[in-house]
Amino acid sequence: MIRRCYSEEFQKVRGSHKGCTVCVDWYDYQVFSKWYNEQPFTGSGSQLDKDLLIAGNKVYSPESCLVVPQEINKLISINRSKKSGLPKGVRAVTGNDCYQVNVGVAGKNNYVGCRKTVSEAFALYKETKEKYIKEVANKYKDQIDIRTYEALINYEVNIDE
């Protein structure tokens, strides 16, 4: 967390953490460790998430962070490249006059279908992704912080992701 926020070397490779900070209390490892160990999910594969509760959050703090299973941490990611100009999960199929929809499930990119317009394709992506997010939330319901569960159940895929 400290390296992600303050290492120029790290930020050259993973620029998504540029501008992120850590609350002053967490500079003391004992304070952070105490908070971390009080979280409901700290088992194998646990990860610190800073932006599920607050979209676009740039501050690591007890109020904004959650400890989540890796599967949950990978569920929601921002599409920063936008090279194609299309929403995440949508790609143009050359010679087929359609837009293909793929959704990442359990680390694999799964084909969902094709639609004639970008908006129809994104609607299919949104519906499929939100359904999958809810399935994962229910899978971990008894193991995660209630704030994590509620954030996932209420999550809405945004076209800017």
C-alpha atoms as a PDB file:
ATOM      1  CA  MET A   1       0.000   0.000   0.000  1.00  0.00           C
ATOM      2  CA  ILE A   2       2.766   2.456   0.903  1.00  0.00           C
ATOM      3  CA  ARG A   3       4.749   1.444  -2.182  1.00  0.00           C
ATOM      4  CA  ARG A   4       1.698   1.757  -4.431  1.00  0.00           C
ATOM      5  CA  CYS A   5       1.102   5.300  -3.249  1.00  0.00           C
ATOM      6  CA  TYR A   6       4.594   6.704  -2.909  1.00  0.00           C
ATOM      7  CA  SER A   7       6.978   4.753  -5.142  1.00  0.00           C
ATOM      8  CA  GLU A   8       7.671   6.463  -8.456  1.00  0.00           C
ATOM      9  CA  GLU A   9       9.048   3.171  -9.795  1.00  0.00           C
ATOM     10  CA  PHE A  10       5.825   1.345  -8.966  1.00  0.00           C
ATOM     11  CA  GLN A  11       3.719   4.100 -10.479  1.00  0.00           C
ATOM     12  CA  LYS A  12       5.675   3.957 -13.744  1.00  0.00           C
ATOM     13  CA  VAL A  13       4.487   0.368 -14.123  1.00  0.00           C
ATOM     14  CA  ARG A  14       1.030   0.726 -12.532  1.00  0.00           C
ATOM     15  CA  GLY A  15      -0.040   4.317 -13.034  1.00  0.00           C
ATOM     16  CA  SER A  16      -3.522   3.695 -11.629  1.00  0.00           C
ATOM     17  CA  HIS A  17      -2.200   4.502  -8.142  1.00  0.00           C
ATOM     18  CA  LYS A  18      -0.911   7.938  -9.094  1.00  0.00           C
ATOM     19  CA  GLY A  19      -2.298  10.477  -6.657  1.00  0.00           C
ATOM     20  CA  CYS A  20      -3.206   7.872  -4.033  1.00  0.00           C
ATOM     21  CA  THR A  21      -2.336   8.450  -0.392  1.00  0.00           C
ATOM     22  CA  VAL A  22      -2.386   6.541   2.887  1.00  0.00           C
ATOM     23  CA  CYS A  23      -4.031   7.993   5.985  1.00  0.00           C
ATOM     24  CA  VAL A  24      -1.449   9.115   8.532  1.00  0.00           C
ATOM     25  CA  ASP A  25      -2.569   6.567  11.158  1.00  0.00           C
ATOM     26  CA  TRP A  26      -1.684   3.720   8.792  1.00  0.00           C
ATOM     27  CA  TYR A  27       1.916   4.878   8.503  1.00  0.00           C
ATOM     28  CA  ASP A  28       2.243   2.991  11.804  1.00  0.00           C
ATOM     29  CA  TYR A  29       2.231  -0.683  10.810  1.00  0.00           C
ATOM     30  CA  GLN A  30       0.880  -1.748  14.220  1.00  0.00           C
ATOM     31  CA  VAL A  31      -2.197   0.453  13.752  1.00  0.00           C
ATOM     32  CA  PHE A  32      -2.794  -0.887  10.229  1.00  0.00           C
ATOM     33  CA  SER A  33      -2.190  -4.482  11.349  1.00  0.00           C
ATOM     34  CA  LYS A  34      -4.692  -4.155  14.198  1.00  0.00           C
ATOM     35  CA  TRP A  35      -7.352  -2.813  11.791  1.00  0.00           C
ATOM     36  CA  TYR A  36      -6.576  -5.511   9.208  1.00  0.00           C
ATOM     37  CA  ASN A  37      -6.801  -8.358  11.707  1.00  0.00           C
ATOM     38  CA  GLU A  38     -10.192  -7.129  12.914  1.00  0.00           C
ATOM     39  CA  GLN A  39     -11.694  -7.508   9.422  1.00  0.00           C
ATOM     40  CA  PRO A  40     -14.069 -10.427   8.762  1.00  0.00           C
ATOM     41  CA  PHE A  41     -12.117 -11.794   5.791  1.00  0.00           C
ATOM     42  CA  THR A  42      -8.367 -12.080   6.283  1.00  0.00           C
ATOM     43  CA  GLY A  43      -7.868 -15.599   5.035  1.00  0.00           C
ATOM     44  CA  SER A  44      -5.761 -16.921   2.210  1.00  0.00           C
ATOM     45  CA  GLY A  45      -6.105 -14.757  -0.890  1.00  0.00           C
ATOM     46  CA  SER A  46      -7.286 -11.695   1.000  1.00  0.00           C
ATOM     47  CA  GLN A  47      -6.583  -8.314  -0.578  1.00  0.00           C
ATOM     48  CA  LEU A  48      -6.970  -4.698   0.432  1.00  0.00           C
ATOM     49  CA  ASP A  49      -9.558  -2.832  -1.660  1.00  0.00           C
ATOM     50  CA  LYS A  50      -9.770   0.947  -1.599  1.00  0.00           C
ATOM     51  CA  ASP A  51     -12.462   1.785  -4.138  1.00  0.00           C
ATOM     52  CA  LEU A  52     -15.385  -0.608  -3.810  1.00  0.00           C
ATOM     53  CA  LEU A  53     -17.066   1.555  -1.166  1.00  0.00           C
ATOM     54  CA  ILE A  54     -16.128   4.867  -2.798  1.00  0.00           C
ATOM     55  CA  ALA A  55     -15.751   4.811  -6.579  1.00  0.00           C
ATOM     56  CA  GLY A  56     -12.541   6.510  -7.665  1.00  0.00           C
ATOM     57  CA  ASN A  57     -11.249   6.719  -4.086  1.00  0.00           C
ATOM     58  CA  LYS A  58      -7.585   7.701  -3.782  1.00  0.00           C
ATOM     59  CA  VAL A  59      -7.114   7.373   0.009  1.00  0.00           C
ATOM     60  CA  TYR A  60      -6.267   4.176   1.874  1.00  0.00           C
ATOM     61  CA  SER A  61      -8.024   4.499   5.246  1.00  0.00           C
ATOM     62  CA  PRO A  62     -10.237   2.508   7.642  1.00  0.00           C
ATOM     63  CA  GLU A  63     -13.289   4.374   6.340  1.00  0.00           C
ATOM     64  CA  SER A  64     -12.649   3.625   2.676  1.00  0.00           C
ATOM     65  CA  CYS A  65     -10.919   0.241   2.648  1.00  0.00           C
ATOM     66  CA  LEU A  66     -12.121  -3.322   2.864  1.00  0.00           C
ATOM     67  CA  VAL A  67     -10.328  -6.646   3.059  1.00  0.00           C
ATOM     68  CA  VAL A  68     -11.819  -8.864   0.375  1.00  0.00           C
ATOM     69  CA  PRO A  69     -11.155 -12.172  -1.356  1.00  0.00           C
ATOM     70  CA  GLN A  70      -9.057 -11.815  -4.503  1.00  0.00           C
ATOM     71  CA  GLU A  71     -12.050 -12.916  -6.583  1.00  0.00           C
ATOM     72  CA  ILE A  72     -14.023  -9.893  -5.369  1.00  0.00           C
ATOM     73  CA  ASN A  73     -11.107  -7.516  -5.834  1.00  0.00           C
ATOM     74  CA  LYS A  74     -10.848  -8.565  -9.494  1.00  0.00           C
ATOM     75  CA  LEU A  75     -14.597  -8.204 -10.147  1.00  0.00           C
ATOM     76  CA  ILE A  76     -14.590  -4.486 -10.662  1.00  0.00           C
ATOM     77  CA  SER A  77     -11.932  -2.776 -12.679  1.00  0.00           C
ATOM     78  CA  ILE A  78     -11.762   0.453 -14.584  1.00  0.00           C
ATOM     79  CA  ASN A  79     -11.041   0.246 -18.311  1.00  0.00           C
ATOM     80  CA  ARG A  80      -8.328   2.873 -18.600  1.00  0.00           C
ATOM     81  CA  SER A  81      -7.021   2.225 -22.100  1.00  0.00           C
ATOM     82  CA  LYS A  82     -10.149   2.954 -24.175  1.00  0.00           C
ATOM     83  CA  LYS A  83      -8.080   2.382 -27.332  1.00  0.00           C
ATOM     84  CA  SER A  84     -11.098   1.080 -29.224  1.00  0.00           C
ATOM     85  CA  GLY A  85     -13.442   3.799 -28.000  1.00  0.00           C
ATOM     86  CA  LEU A  86     -15.904   1.062 -26.993  1.00  0.00           C
ATOM     87  CA  PRO A  87     -17.168   0.308 -23.499  1.00  0.00           C
ATOM     88  CA  LYS A  88     -15.548  -2.464 -21.482  1.00  0.00           C
ATOM     89  CA  GLY A  89     -16.786  -5.894 -22.526  1.00  0.00           C
ATOM     90  CA  VAL A  90     -17.726  -4.767 -26.049  1.00  0.00           C
ATOM     91  CA  ARG A  91     -15.721  -5.198 -29.224  1.00  0.00           C
ATOM     92  CA  ALA A  92     -16.526  -4.709 -32.890  1.00  0.00           C
ATOM     93  CA  VAL A  93     -16.580  -7.853 -35.017  1.00  0.00           C
ATOM     94  CA  THR A  94     -15.168  -7.071 -38.450  1.00  0.00           C
ATOM     95  CA  GLY A  95     -17.338  -8.245 -41.344  1.00  0.00           C
ATOM     96  CA  ASN A  96     -20.155  -9.360 -39.073  1.00  0.00           C
ATOM     97  CA  ASP A  97     -21.938  -6.051 -38.421  1.00  0.00           C
ATOM     98  CA  CYS A  98     -22.254  -6.752 -34.742  1.00  0.00           C
ATOM     99  CA  TYR A  99     -20.670  -5.958 -31.417  1.00  0.00           C
ATOM    100  CA  GLN A 100     -19.444  -8.937 -29.421  1.00  0.00           C
ATOM    101  CA  VAL A 101     -19.951  -9.054 -25.670  1.00  0.00           C
ATOM    102  CA  ASN A 102     -17.477 -10.788 -23.339  1.00  0.00           C
ATOM    103  CA  VAL A 103     -17.576 -10.885 -19.543  1.00  0.00           C
ATOM    104  CA  GLY A 104     -14.713 -11.911 -17.295  1.00  0.00           C
ATOM    105  CA  VAL A 105     -15.840 -14.740 -15.006  1.00  0.00           C
ATOM    106  CA  ALA A 106     -13.437 -16.439 -12.594  1.00  0.00           C
ATOM    107  CA  GLY A 107     -10.442 -15.045 -14.462  1.00  0.00           C
ATOM    108  CA  LYS A 108     -11.632 -16.175 -17.891  1.00  0.00           C
ATOM    109  CA  ASN A 109     -13.073 -14.049 -20.678  1.00  0.00           C
ATOM    110  CA  ASN A 110     -16.452 -15.568 -21.586  1.00  0.00           C
ATOM    111  CA  TYR A 111     -18.407 -14.913 -24.770  1.00  0.00           C
ATOM    112  CA  VAL A 112     -21.957 -13.754 -23.979  1.00  0.00           C
ATOM    113  CA  GLY A 113     -23.354 -12.832 -27.397  1.00  0.00           C
ATOM    114  CA  CYS A 114     -23.483 -10.287 -30.223  1.00  0.00           C
ATOM    115  CA  ARG A 115     -25.697  -7.244 -30.618  1.00  0.00           C
ATOM    116  CA  LYS A 116     -26.308  -4.878 -33.537  1.00  0.00           C
ATOM    117  CA  THR A 117     -25.502  -1.643 -31.683  1.00  0.00           C
ATOM    118  CA  VAL A 118     -22.969  -0.554 -29.098  1.00  0.00           C
ATOM    119  CA  SER A 119     -25.736   0.435 -26.690  1.00  0.00           C
ATOM    120  CA  GLU A 120     -27.439  -2.977 -27.005  1.00  0.00           C
ATOM    121  CA  ALA A 121     -24.091  -4.724 -26.524  1.00  0.00           C
ATOM    122  CA  PHE A 122     -23.259  -2.648 -23.468  1.00  0.00           C
ATOM    123  CA  ALA A 123     -26.723  -3.326 -21.999  1.00  0.00           C
ATOM    124  CA  LEU A 124     -26.066  -7.078 -22.342  1.00  0.00           C
ATOM    125  CA  TYR A 125     -22.613  -6.681 -20.773  1.00  0.00           C
ATOM    126  CA  LYS A 126     -24.052  -4.623 -17.889  1.00  0.00           C
ATOM    127  CA  GLU A 127     -26.849  -7.127 -17.189  1.00  0.00           C
ATOM    128  CA  THR A 128     -24.501 -10.132 -17.317  1.00  0.00           C
ATOM    129  CA  LYS A 129     -21.738  -8.516 -15.243  1.00  0.00           C
ATOM    130  CA  GLU A 130     -24.113  -7.259 -12.542  1.00  0.00           C
ATOM    131  CA  LYS A 131     -25.692 -10.724 -12.275  1.00  0.00           C
ATOM    132  CA  TYR A 132     -22.232 -12.277 -11.869  1.00  0.00           C
ATOM    133  CA  ILE A 133     -21.223  -9.702  -9.235  1.00  0.00           C
ATOM    134  CA  LYS A 134     -24.340 -10.582  -7.213  1.00  0.00           C
ATOM    135  CA  GLU A 135     -23.535 -14.312  -7.502  1.00  0.00           C
ATOM    136  CA  VAL A 136     -20.029 -13.705  -6.134  1.00  0.00           C
ATOM    137  CA  ALA A 137     -21.434 -11.502  -3.339  1.00  0.00           C
ATOM    138  CA  ASN A 138     -23.774 -14.302  -2.293  1.00  0.00           C
ATOM    139  CA  LYS A 139     -20.970 -16.863  -2.491  1.00  0.00           C
ATOM    140  CA  TYR A 140     -18.981 -14.903   0.129  1.00  0.00           C
ATOM    141  CA  LYS A 141     -21.918 -13.414   2.073  1.00  0.00           C
ATOM    142  CA  ASP A 142     -21.096 -15.138   5.364  1.00  0.00           C
ATOM    143  CA  GLN A 143     -17.356 -14.428   5.109  1.00  0.00           C
ATOM    144  CA  ILE A 144     -17.172 -10.737   4.225  1.00  0.00           C
ATOM    145  CA  ASP A 145     -17.893  -7.394   5.828  1.00  0.00           C
ATOM    146  CA  ILE A 146     -21.559  -6.405   5.433  1.00  0.00           C
ATOM    147  CA  ARG A 147     -20.353  -3.210   3.693  1.00  0.00           C
ATOM    148  CA  THR A 148     -18.621  -5.351   1.061  1.00  0.00           C
ATOM    149  CA  TYR A 149     -21.730  -7.447   0.536  1.00  0.00           C
ATOM    150  CA  GLU A 150     -24.034  -4.426   0.241  1.00  0.00           C
ATOM    151  CA  ALA A 151     -21.651  -2.615  -2.118  1.00  0.00           C
ATOM    152  CA  LEU A 152     -21.607  -5.642  -4.426  1.00  0.00           C
ATOM    153  CA  ILE A 153     -25.362  -6.289  -4.299  1.00  0.00           C
ATOM    154  CA  ASN A 154     -26.042  -2.622  -5.105  1.00  0.00           C
ATOM    155  CA  TYR A 155     -23.229  -2.254  -7.657  1.00  0.00           C
ATOM    156  CA  GLU A 156     -24.142  -0.818 -11.038  1.00  0.00           C
ATOM    157  CA  VAL A 157     -21.827  -1.230 -13.990  1.00  0.00           C
ATOM    158  CA  ASN A 158     -20.997   2.157 -15.466  1.00  0.00           C
ATOM    159  CA  ILE A 159     -20.213   2.657 -19.152  1.00  0.00           C
ATOM    160  CA  ASP A 160     -17.020   4.504 -18.137  1.00  0.00           C
ATOM    161  CA  GLU A 161     -15.529   1.448 -16.411  1.00  0.00           C
END
